[in-house]
């Protein structure tokens, strides 16, 4: 009697493979749910991580020379970071919102009272048939747009004041945790990554170098913009050019609007005080000279510090801000760094021929 063989199985899994599929499937699901829970506080966590990197040398110095206890040193470093960076930004935003509510109505009233002849730009007769330049309309439209953006941002903050306070608390507490347990968490995270130690430390080093390059690039670009703005304000005869230059450096750290928070209202004030030529000079100086420094210096400084291609970094910064908002300023360079490092590791593991830089 002939026994028919059992039909072959299409999928053959042993017990270890089934366990791996089940374990990593559940792990990915849990990580996805965790990311969904933490997603409202992504900005606060990223800000706290950046501040922890910036003030990490201070935290080490406090632990070695002031307070030996890690918890007390972390608390002192957290208070120092918040008082140095976060609170001045909050005060600056509050003052900006308060002043912006009065700025546009005053300017609009001035434009209503001033004669049309005072704002008329003389153009050649050949150009008047093709281009009718209405300076009053240009000034009003731009001032209304800036004031509207500032007011809408402030309205969003007031409308979500509770969530804003929660985010601030989360950022402060997360900063404290990073100062106290950041080293231990980082070593634990590196240990569980299933890669060779050399590759893991190379990726971590590249991410750290890129983050610090972004921070240094932001600060240096803001400093250069402040110095350039102060020079233009001094040439235009603006009172206290050093003060307005410092405010320009401070405003350069604000995403999207940046230095226009200072030079645009200042140019409108110069229209009031010293005439159209001075106001127009301040506006063009801020728009062309100070504004372009941000687009030119920032990719160069970040690329030099992170050792990344300037062109890719330029696309990463502005593309990241387009996709992720203000977080894209960090996400873009970090993603480019990760892609480049992983491609280098792949080339080394596969023994691919080296392409000269």
Protein backbone atom coordinates (compact mmCIF):
# COMPACT_ATOMS: atom_id res chain seq x y z
CA UNK A 1 0.00 0.00 0.00
CA UNK A 2 1.49 3.34 -1.12
CA UNK A 3 1.37 6.32 1.26
CA UNK A 4 0.93 9.65 -0.47
CA UNK A 5 3.47 12.29 0.75
CA UNK A 6 2.13 15.32 2.52
CA UNK A 7 1.79 18.41 0.33
CA UNK A 8 4.72 20.85 0.76
CA UNK A 9 4.12 23.86 2.96
CA UNK A 10 4.31 27.20 1.25
CA UNK A 11 5.66 28.93 4.36
CA UNK A 12 7.92 27.14 6.80
CA UNK A 13 8.65 28.90 10.10
CA UNK A 14 10.34 27.46 13.10
CA UNK A 15 9.54 28.49 16.65
CA UNK A 16 12.34 31.10 16.85
CA UNK A 17 11.19 32.82 13.66
CA UNK A 18 7.59 32.96 14.84
CA UNK A 19 8.75 34.47 18.12
CA UNK A 20 10.80 37.11 16.28
CA UNK A 21 7.87 38.06 14.03
CA UNK A 22 5.50 38.30 16.97
CA UNK A 23 7.95 40.17 19.24
CA UNK A 24 9.07 42.79 16.72
CA UNK A 25 5.54 43.25 15.39
CA UNK A 26 4.27 44.06 18.89
CA UNK A 27 7.35 46.22 19.56
CA UNK A 28 6.79 48.29 16.39
CA UNK A 29 3.13 48.72 17.30
CA UNK A 30 4.03 49.90 20.82
CA UNK A 31 6.69 52.29 19.48
CA UNK A 32 4.16 53.71 17.03
CA UNK A 33 1.65 54.31 19.81
CA UNK A 34 4.37 55.87 21.98
CA UNK A 35 5.30 58.26 19.18
CA UNK A 36 1.65 59.24 18.81
CA UNK A 37 1.45 60.01 22.52
CA UNK A 38 4.66 62.06 22.48
CA UNK A 39 3.95 63.83 19.17
CA UNK A 40 2.22 66.88 20.79
CA UNK A 41 5.42 67.51 22.76
CA UNK A 42 7.93 66.89 19.98
CA UNK A 43 8.92 70.55 19.87
CA UNK A 44 9.36 70.78 23.63
CA UNK A 45 11.48 67.60 23.73
CA UNK A 46 13.65 68.76 20.83
CA UNK A 47 14.20 72.18 22.43
CA UNK A 48 15.14 70.56 25.74
CA UNK A 49 17.56 68.18 23.99
CA UNK A 50 19.19 71.11 22.18
CA UNK A 51 19.53 73.10 25.40
CA UNK A 52 20.96 70.04 27.13
CA UNK A 53 23.67 69.77 24.47
CA UNK A 54 24.47 73.48 24.68
CA UNK A 55 24.62 73.62 28.47
CA UNK A 56 26.13 70.16 28.99
CA UNK A 57 29.66 71.56 29.63
CA UNK A 58 28.13 73.87 32.25
CA UNK A 59 26.42 70.89 33.89
CA UNK A 60 29.73 69.01 34.04
CA UNK A 61 31.48 72.02 35.58
CA UNK A 62 28.74 72.43 38.19
CA UNK A 63 29.00 68.74 39.13
CA UNK A 64 32.76 68.88 39.48
CA UNK A 65 33.26 72.24 41.18
CA UNK A 66 29.98 73.34 42.81
CA UNK A 67 27.64 70.46 43.68
CA UNK A 68 28.70 66.84 43.56
CA UNK A 69 25.13 65.51 43.67
CA UNK A 70 23.82 64.79 40.16
CA UNK A 71 20.22 65.74 40.95
CA UNK A 72 21.15 69.09 42.52
CA UNK A 73 23.59 69.88 39.70
CA UNK A 74 20.93 69.04 37.10
CA UNK A 75 18.41 71.29 38.88
CA UNK A 76 20.88 74.20 38.99
CA UNK A 77 21.80 73.74 35.31
CA UNK A 78 18.12 73.60 34.35
CA UNK A 79 17.35 76.86 36.17
CA UNK A 80 20.38 78.51 34.53
CA UNK A 81 19.34 77.40 31.04
CA UNK A 82 15.74 78.52 31.50
CA UNK A 83 16.73 81.93 32.89
CA UNK A 84 19.37 82.43 30.17
CA UNK A 85 17.44 81.38 27.06
CA UNK A 86 13.79 80.52 27.54
CA UNK A 87 12.50 83.37 29.71
CA UNK A 88 14.08 86.15 27.56
CA UNK A 89 12.43 84.58 24.49
CA UNK A 90 9.05 84.52 26.24
CA UNK A 91 9.42 88.14 27.39
CA UNK A 92 10.48 89.21 23.90
CA UNK A 93 7.48 87.47 22.35
CA UNK A 94 5.10 89.06 24.87
CA UNK A 95 6.45 92.57 24.25
CA UNK A 96 6.37 92.02 20.50
CA UNK A 97 2.75 90.90 20.61
CA UNK A 98 1.73 93.85 22.79
CA UNK A 99 3.48 96.43 20.62
CA UNK A 100 2.27 94.91 17.36
CA UNK A 101 -1.37 95.54 18.33
CA UNK A 102 -0.73 99.30 18.33
CA UNK A 103 1.80 99.48 15.52
CA UNK A 104 -0.40 98.94 12.48
CA UNK A 105 -3.25 101.31 13.53
CA UNK A 106 -0.76 104.13 14.15
CA UNK A 107 0.94 103.58 10.82
CA UNK A 108 -2.39 103.41 9.02
CA UNK A 109 -3.46 106.69 10.65
CA UNK A 110 -0.19 108.31 9.58
CA UNK A 111 -0.70 107.14 5.99
CA UNK A 112 -4.23 108.56 6.07
CA UNK A 113 -3.08 111.99 7.27
CA UNK A 114 -0.02 112.34 5.04
CA UNK A 115 -0.46 113.72 1.57
CA UNK A 116 -0.29 111.40 -1.40
CA UNK A 117 2.43 113.58 -2.92
CA UNK A 118 4.80 112.78 -0.05
CA UNK A 119 4.62 109.06 -0.80
CA UNK A 120 4.76 109.32 -4.57
CA UNK A 121 7.78 107.74 -6.23
CA UNK A 122 8.89 109.52 -9.38
CA UNK A 123 9.20 107.11 -12.29
CA UNK A 124 10.17 107.76 -15.90
CA UNK A 125 7.23 108.41 -18.20
CA UNK A 126 8.01 105.24 -20.18
CA UNK A 127 7.61 103.12 -17.04
CA UNK A 128 4.48 104.78 -15.71
CA UNK A 129 2.42 103.21 -18.49
CA UNK A 130 3.51 99.71 -17.42
CA UNK A 131 4.13 99.98 -13.69
CA UNK A 132 2.17 102.12 -11.28
CA UNK A 133 4.15 102.16 -8.01
CA UNK A 134 1.96 103.03 -5.04
CA UNK A 135 4.31 103.31 -2.06
CA UNK A 136 1.48 103.86 0.41
CA UNK A 137 -0.20 100.65 -0.68
CA UNK A 138 3.10 98.72 -0.48
CA UNK A 139 3.86 100.00 3.03
CA UNK A 140 0.32 99.35 4.27
CA UNK A 141 0.14 95.85 2.78
CA UNK A 142 3.50 94.74 4.20
CA UNK A 143 2.85 96.21 7.63
CA UNK A 144 -0.58 94.62 7.75
CA UNK A 145 0.87 91.23 6.78
CA UNK A 146 3.60 91.31 9.43
CA UNK A 147 1.26 92.58 12.12
CA UNK A 148 -1.30 89.96 11.16
CA UNK A 149 1.27 87.16 11.42
CA UNK A 150 2.42 88.36 14.83
CA UNK A 151 -1.11 88.81 16.11
CA UNK A 152 -2.27 85.45 14.78
CA UNK A 153 0.70 83.74 16.44
CA UNK A 154 -0.15 85.44 19.71
CA UNK A 155 -3.82 84.54 19.29
CA UNK A 156 -2.91 80.89 18.82
CA UNK A 157 -0.80 81.02 21.99
CA UNK A 158 -3.61 82.62 23.98
CA UNK A 159 -6.15 80.20 22.58
CA UNK A 160 -3.96 77.27 23.59
CA UNK A 161 -2.50 78.84 26.71
CA UNK A 162 -3.07 75.70 28.77
CA UNK A 163 -1.26 73.46 26.30
CA UNK A 164 1.50 76.08 25.98
CA UNK A 165 2.07 75.98 29.74
CA UNK A 166 2.05 72.17 29.71
CA UNK A 167 4.65 72.19 26.92
CA UNK A 168 6.80 74.60 28.92
CA UNK A 169 6.60 72.33 31.97
CA UNK A 170 7.42 69.28 29.82
CA UNK A 171 10.39 71.08 28.29
CA UNK A 172 11.75 72.13 31.69
CA UNK A 173 11.30 68.69 33.28
CA UNK A 174 12.75 66.94 30.21
CA UNK A 175 15.76 69.26 30.33
CA UNK A 176 16.28 68.32 33.98
CA UNK A 177 16.07 64.60 33.13
CA UNK A 178 18.57 65.02 30.28
CA UNK A 179 21.02 66.75 32.61
CA UNK A 180 20.66 64.12 35.31
CA UNK A 181 20.26 60.88 33.33
CA UNK A 182 21.19 61.85 29.77
CA UNK A 183 24.55 60.04 29.71
CA UNK A 184 23.08 56.83 31.13
CA UNK A 185 20.14 56.91 28.69
CA UNK A 186 22.44 57.56 25.73
CA UNK A 187 24.69 54.61 26.61
CA UNK A 188 21.64 52.38 27.09
CA UNK A 189 20.23 53.45 23.72
CA UNK A 190 23.54 52.78 21.96
CA UNK A 191 23.81 49.34 23.58
CA UNK A 192 20.43 48.08 22.35
CA UNK A 193 21.03 49.09 18.71
CA UNK A 194 21.87 45.88 16.77
CA UNK A 195 24.99 47.18 15.06
CA UNK A 196 28.73 46.99 15.56
CA UNK A 197 30.10 49.32 18.21
CA UNK A 198 32.20 51.20 15.67
CA UNK A 199 29.19 52.02 13.50
CA UNK A 200 26.98 52.95 16.44
CA UNK A 201 29.53 55.38 17.82
CA UNK A 202 30.11 56.85 14.37
CA UNK A 203 26.39 57.53 13.90
CA UNK A 204 26.08 59.03 17.39
CA UNK A 205 29.16 61.19 16.82
CA UNK A 206 27.85 62.45 13.48
CA UNK A 207 24.44 63.32 14.98
CA UNK A 208 26.09 65.16 17.87
CA UNK A 209 28.42 67.04 15.52
CA UNK A 210 25.51 68.00 13.24
CA UNK A 211 23.35 69.21 16.14
CA UNK A 212 26.14 71.36 17.55
CA UNK A 213 26.89 72.69 14.05
CA UNK A 214 23.24 73.72 13.64
CA UNK A 215 23.25 75.48 17.01
CA UNK A 216 26.56 77.24 16.31
CA UNK A 217 25.40 78.16 12.82
CA UNK A 218 22.19 79.70 14.17
CA UNK A 219 24.01 81.72 16.83
CA UNK A 220 26.83 82.90 14.54
CA UNK A 221 24.39 83.82 11.77
CA UNK A 222 22.27 85.76 14.24
CA UNK A 223 25.38 87.57 15.51
CA UNK A 224 26.47 88.51 11.97
CA UNK A 225 22.97 89.70 11.13
CA UNK A 226 22.92 91.83 14.27
CA UNK A 227 26.29 93.43 13.44
CA UNK A 228 25.26 94.07 9.84
CA UNK A 229 21.94 95.50 10.95
CA UNK A 230 23.64 97.77 13.48
CA UNK A 231 25.96 99.06 10.73
CA UNK A 232 23.00 99.88 8.50
CA UNK A 233 21.11 101.54 11.34
CA UNK A 234 24.18 103.65 12.14
CA UNK A 235 24.52 104.72 8.50
CA UNK A 236 20.83 105.67 8.44
CA UNK A 237 21.14 107.74 11.62
CA UNK A 238 18.89 105.50 13.71
CA UNK A 239 19.22 106.28 17.44
CA UNK A 240 20.85 103.53 19.53
CA UNK A 241 22.01 101.39 16.58
CA UNK A 242 23.79 98.96 18.92
CA UNK A 243 20.54 98.30 20.80
CA UNK A 244 18.57 97.70 17.61
CA UNK A 245 21.42 95.51 16.33
CA UNK A 246 21.14 93.37 19.46
CA UNK A 247 17.38 93.13 18.96
CA UNK A 248 18.02 92.10 15.34
CA UNK A 249 20.29 89.26 16.53
CA UNK A 250 17.62 88.18 18.98
CA UNK A 251 14.87 88.29 16.34
CA UNK A 252 17.03 86.28 13.91
CA UNK A 253 16.39 83.22 16.10
CA UNK A 254 12.61 83.48 15.55
CA UNK A 255 11.57 81.08 12.75
CA UNK A 256 10.15 82.35 9.45
CA UNK A 257 9.77 86.09 10.28
CA UNK A 258 13.28 86.53 11.72
CA UNK A 259 14.97 89.92 11.51
CA UNK A 260 11.96 91.54 9.83
CA UNK A 261 10.49 91.83 13.33
CA UNK A 262 13.00 94.65 13.89
CA UNK A 263 13.97 96.30 10.62
CA UNK A 264 10.46 96.49 9.16
CA UNK A 265 8.89 98.45 12.07
CA UNK A 266 12.10 100.47 12.31
CA UNK A 267 11.91 101.44 8.64
CA UNK A 268 8.30 102.51 9.11
CA UNK A 269 9.35 104.62 12.10
CA UNK A 270 12.05 106.25 9.95
CA UNK A 271 9.33 107.17 7.44
CA UNK A 272 7.69 109.13 10.26
CA UNK A 273 10.81 110.70 11.67
CA UNK A 274 13.43 111.23 8.95
CA UNK A 275 11.58 110.91 5.70
CA UNK A 276 11.02 108.46 2.90
CA UNK A 277 14.64 108.09 1.79
CA UNK A 278 15.91 107.04 5.21
CA UNK A 279 12.96 104.70 5.78
CA UNK A 280 13.41 103.14 2.35
CA UNK A 281 17.15 102.70 3.01
CA UNK A 282 16.50 100.88 6.29
CA UNK A 283 13.89 98.66 4.62
CA UNK A 284 16.15 97.73 1.69
CA UNK A 285 19.15 97.22 3.98
CA UNK A 286 17.17 94.83 6.16
CA UNK A 287 15.53 93.04 3.24
CA UNK A 288 18.60 92.62 1.00
CA UNK A 289 21.72 92.78 3.18
CA UNK A 290 20.54 91.48 6.57
CA UNK A 291 17.97 89.08 5.13
CA UNK A 292 20.28 87.45 2.60
CA UNK A 293 22.92 86.75 5.23
CA UNK A 294 20.56 84.20 6.73
CA UNK A 295 20.26 82.28 3.46
CA UNK A 296 23.98 82.42 2.68
CA UNK A 297 25.81 82.14 6.00
CA UNK A 298 23.65 79.56 7.75
CA UNK A 299 24.18 76.67 5.25
CA UNK A 300 27.90 77.49 4.99
CA UNK A 301 28.48 77.58 8.75
CA UNK A 302 26.40 74.48 9.42
CA UNK A 303 27.95 72.57 6.52
CA UNK A 304 31.47 73.41 7.65
CA UNK A 305 30.80 72.30 11.22
CA UNK A 306 28.86 69.16 10.30
CA UNK A 307 31.10 68.31 7.31
CA UNK A 308 28.13 68.03 4.98
CA UNK A 309 27.76 69.11 1.33
CA UNK A 310 26.57 72.72 1.19
CA UNK A 311 24.02 72.12 -1.57
CA UNK A 312 22.39 69.15 0.17
CA UNK A 313 22.38 71.06 3.44
CA UNK A 314 20.76 74.09 1.81
CA UNK A 315 17.95 71.88 0.48
CA UNK A 316 17.71 70.04 3.80
CA UNK A 317 17.32 73.22 5.87
CA UNK A 318 14.64 74.91 3.77
CA UNK A 319 12.95 71.67 2.72
CA UNK A 320 12.89 70.54 6.35
CA UNK A 321 11.31 73.82 7.45
CA UNK A 322 8.73 73.41 4.68
CA UNK A 323 7.81 69.88 5.80
CA UNK A 324 8.32 70.00 9.59
CA UNK A 325 7.99 73.71 10.32
CA UNK A 326 10.55 75.24 12.71
CA UNK A 327 11.64 71.72 13.74
CA UNK A 328 12.86 71.19 10.19
CA UNK A 329 15.80 73.45 10.93
CA UNK A 330 17.19 70.54 12.96
CA UNK A 331 15.43 67.62 11.28
CA UNK A 332 16.72 68.43 7.78
CA UNK A 333 20.46 68.41 8.62
CA UNK A 334 20.06 65.42 10.97
CA UNK A 335 18.31 63.34 8.30
CA UNK A 336 20.96 64.23 5.73
CA UNK A 337 23.69 63.25 8.21
CA UNK A 338 22.01 59.90 8.89
CA UNK A 339 21.60 59.13 5.20
CA UNK A 340 25.24 59.92 4.44
CA UNK A 341 26.58 57.88 7.40
CA UNK A 342 24.38 54.88 6.56
CA UNK A 343 25.50 54.98 2.93
CA UNK A 344 29.14 55.08 4.07
CA UNK A 345 28.56 52.08 6.36
CA UNK A 346 26.86 50.20 3.52
CA UNK A 347 29.79 50.90 1.21
CA UNK A 348 32.26 49.63 3.82
CA UNK A 349 30.31 46.46 4.67
CA UNK A 350 29.84 45.57 1.00
CA UNK A 351 33.47 46.42 0.12
CA UNK A 352 32.36 48.78 -2.60
CA UNK A 353 35.07 50.87 -4.30
CA UNK A 354 35.77 54.18 -2.61
CA UNK A 355 34.70 57.30 -4.51
CA UNK A 356 37.02 60.26 -3.80
CA UNK A 357 35.37 63.31 -2.27
